[in-house]
Amino acid sequence: MNTINLDNRNKYALVTGATSGIGYELAKLLATDGYNLVLVARNKKLLQQMTDQLKEKFNVEITPLAKDLFKKKAPIEIYNKTKEMGISIDVLINDAGQGERGKFIEIPLERHLDIIQLNIASLVSLTKLFLDDMVQRNEGRILQLGSEAGKAPMPLLSVYAATKAFVVSFSESLSNELKDTGVTVTVLLPGATDTYFFHKAHAENTVVYRETELQEAAEVAKDGYEALMKGETRVISGAKTKAHVYMSNIMPDSMNAANFRKNMEESDKEEGRFQSEHTASRTERQAIYEATAEHDGDYPEENEQTDITNNELQPNESRVQAGDI
């Protein structure tokens, strides 16, 4: 096990979206720094598996909470559970989020509203619940996962981009309001990152996923974590993402929309990326396959009891073998 940072041995961090992608990498960084963890995700067995993996590596307390943040009541249930356990959250990481690729009129209303609930309502609820306690204690840190998509219109991913615009604005407003309170709010803006996001969003056949270089989840998490610990208001992860945000700021929105749409169009290449190289994200993809027999998309409703296996997809599996569409 890694040596614990004694300065943080009695501190707790809560991470949503903790079983894969950037959330999982942030959990590892927090554990490395000696924080005890409360990990939140929907799939109970996968969450326990990831908890066990982290416990083997880090000498910290780790508590899994299987909660579905698509549900309105989930944030208050999470907050109440930490209170029952006598845990004060010193660091809140709002990482959980999803999108759905396609024209707005062709996607069911329920899916749009679910994304808004997850990306905005649950994030605001968790922020409010834990922030009030932090302000009373005059200390605390919050990291919100934004996106470069929040800085410009994004056709074919319109609702997701709009939710991330909210997260960026909301977080930067809070950062200003909380000056001199001892509490900081940081918003992390990554670009397209190698996680399971694209498969859940049915965007695995897009130009950006198939044909372009993606950021690594660990590098994005490191950028966000360092900014969080410095108390910075905003961090844009990666040189390419910084360039994209800069150009978005100076170009008209009509041009931004046209450029982003090209990236979200279907790729006509037969070669390219078909699955994530990020280990935890591949494990989650396998868990979803076990639940649905589909490698693209998300868990079914009421998935907390979903069975998983420890099998992972192999890098050279064909699209047919992987069950892609």
Foldseek 3Di string as FASTA:
>chain_A
DADAQVVAQQAEEEFEPCQWFLRVLLVLVCQNHHHEYEYEEAAQVSQVVSVVVSVVPGPHHYHYDHFDQLDLCRLVVVLVVCVVVVHQHQEYELDDAAWAFDAPVVDDPSVLSSRCSNLPVSVVSNCVSNVVVCLVVLAHFYEYEAELLCLAAAGRGHSNSVSSVVVLVVLLVVQVVCPPSRYAYEYEYEYAAQFLRCLQNVQLQFCQNFPHDHHYSNQSSVQRVVCRVVRHHYDYGDPVSVVSSVVSVPDDRVVVHVVNHNRRDGDPDPHGDRHGPTVSRQQLLQQQCQQPVASGHDHDPPNHPRDGDPDGDDPPDDCVRSRYD
